[in-house]
Amino acid sequence: MPLKITLNPDGPLVLAAEDMPFPVLQTTDGEDITVQKKKAFLCRCGASQNKPFCDGAHVQDEYSDANRCTNDLLQNYSSDYITVHFNRSICSGAAECVRRL
């Protein structure tokens, strides 16, 4: 199974690498984060004190997918290795999601 990212409704993104080495994640400062397990839960609500990982803060903050913007401006950027789904309605424009690609 290749690297798989799934959406946990009203919660984090789940990054799983069952049959391959887990990728090295990076902080916004470019520091490597090594994950020892085959699965990581990544914060979507922005309230985690352990970013990029989920610490369950979405439950206390009552984060919900229903709170999404209703006028999404979606763009897709693809290469041989990755596809970035860009939503200008909710993006801060800091380019952190693609800066080191």
Protein backbone atom coordinates (compact mmCIF):
# COMPACT_ATOMS: atom_id res chain seq x y z
CA MET A 1 0.00 0.00 0.00
CA PRO A 2 1.42 3.39 -0.92
CA LEU A 3 1.34 6.38 1.38
CA LYS A 4 -2.29 7.17 2.10
CA ILE A 5 -3.92 10.33 3.48
CA THR A 6 -7.50 10.06 4.69
CA LEU A 7 -9.83 12.57 6.23
CA ASN A 8 -11.17 11.75 9.67
CA PRO A 9 -14.57 13.54 9.66
CA ASP A 10 -14.61 16.48 12.11
CA GLY A 11 -11.05 15.58 13.08
CA PRO A 12 -7.48 15.16 11.89
CA LEU A 13 -5.96 13.95 8.65
CA VAL A 14 -4.65 10.40 8.99
CA LEU A 15 -1.32 9.76 7.26
CA ALA A 16 -0.56 6.03 6.90
CA ALA A 17 2.41 4.19 5.41
CA GLU A 18 1.70 0.51 5.98
CA ASP A 19 4.09 -1.21 3.55
CA MET A 20 6.74 1.46 3.15
CA PRO A 21 9.00 3.60 5.33
CA PHE A 22 7.14 6.48 6.91
CA PRO A 23 8.16 9.77 5.28
CA VAL A 24 10.15 12.30 7.26
CA LEU A 25 7.90 15.27 8.00
CA GLN A 26 9.23 18.79 8.42
CA THR A 27 8.32 21.72 10.62
CA THR A 28 7.72 25.13 9.05
CA ASP A 29 11.36 25.88 9.98
CA GLY A 30 12.60 22.94 7.91
CA GLU A 31 13.49 20.73 10.89
CA ASP A 32 12.92 17.01 10.35
CA ILE A 33 10.28 15.21 12.40
CA THR A 34 10.77 11.45 12.47
CA VAL A 35 7.65 9.40 13.14
CA GLN A 36 8.33 6.00 14.70
CA LYS A 37 4.91 4.52 13.92
CA LYS A 38 3.25 3.69 10.61
CA LYS A 39 0.43 6.20 11.16
CA ALA A 40 0.23 9.87 12.17
CA PHE A 41 -2.75 12.07 12.95
CA LEU A 42 -2.25 15.60 11.59
CA CYS A 43 -4.07 18.65 12.96
CA ARG A 44 -6.69 20.31 10.75
CA CYS A 45 -8.36 22.60 13.29
CA GLY A 46 -5.28 24.69 14.09
CA ALA A 47 -5.75 24.41 17.86
CA SER A 48 -3.27 21.60 18.61
CA GLN A 49 -0.40 22.46 20.94
CA ASN A 50 1.64 19.68 19.28
CA LYS A 51 1.51 20.73 15.61
CA PRO A 52 1.66 19.26 13.07
CA PHE A 53 0.16 16.42 15.11
CA CYS A 54 -3.36 16.29 16.49
CA ASP A 55 -3.67 16.43 20.28
CA GLY A 56 -7.47 16.19 20.40
CA ALA A 57 -8.04 19.95 20.74
CA HIS A 58 -10.67 19.76 17.98
CA VAL A 59 -13.03 17.98 20.38
CA GLN A 60 -12.90 20.75 23.00
CA ASP A 61 -13.14 23.45 20.30
CA GLU A 62 -16.06 21.59 18.69
CA TYR A 63 -14.31 21.67 15.30
CA SER A 64 -16.62 20.53 12.54
CA ASP A 65 -16.32 19.99 8.82
CA ALA A 66 -19.68 21.78 8.59
CA ASN A 67 -17.90 25.05 9.42
CA ARG A 68 -16.15 25.09 6.05
CA CYS A 69 -16.35 28.00 3.69
CA THR A 70 -19.29 27.83 1.28
CA ASN A 71 -17.56 29.58 -1.62
CA ASP A 72 -14.51 27.38 -2.18
CA LEU A 73 -12.07 28.49 -4.87
CA LEU A 74 -10.37 25.22 -5.73
CA GLN A 75 -7.26 24.75 -7.86
CA ASN A 76 -5.21 21.58 -8.36
CA TYR A 77 -1.48 21.50 -9.04
CA SER A 78 -0.05 18.13 -10.07
CA SER A 79 3.39 16.73 -10.72
CA ASP A 80 4.66 13.17 -11.12
CA TYR A 81 5.02 12.85 -7.34
CA ILE A 82 2.29 14.93 -5.67
CA THR A 83 -0.98 16.74 -6.22
CA VAL A 84 -1.70 19.85 -4.15
CA HIS A 85 -5.36 20.80 -3.80
CA PHE A 86 -5.37 24.56 -3.23
CA ASN A 87 -8.40 26.28 -1.72
CA ARG A 88 -7.87 30.03 -1.82
CA SER A 89 -10.94 30.59 0.37
CA ILE A 90 -9.25 29.09 3.42
CA CYS A 91 -5.54 29.44 2.60
CA SER A 92 -3.41 32.08 4.30
CA GLY A 93 -1.13 32.26 1.26
CA ALA A 94 2.05 31.55 3.23
CA ALA A 95 3.03 28.72 0.81
CA GLU A 96 4.17 26.46 3.66
CA CYS A 97 2.37 23.48 2.11
CA VAL A 98 4.60 23.54 -1.00
CA ARG A 99 7.64 25.66 -0.09
CA ARG A 100 10.18 22.81 -0.03
CA LEU A 101 8.66 20.66 -2.76
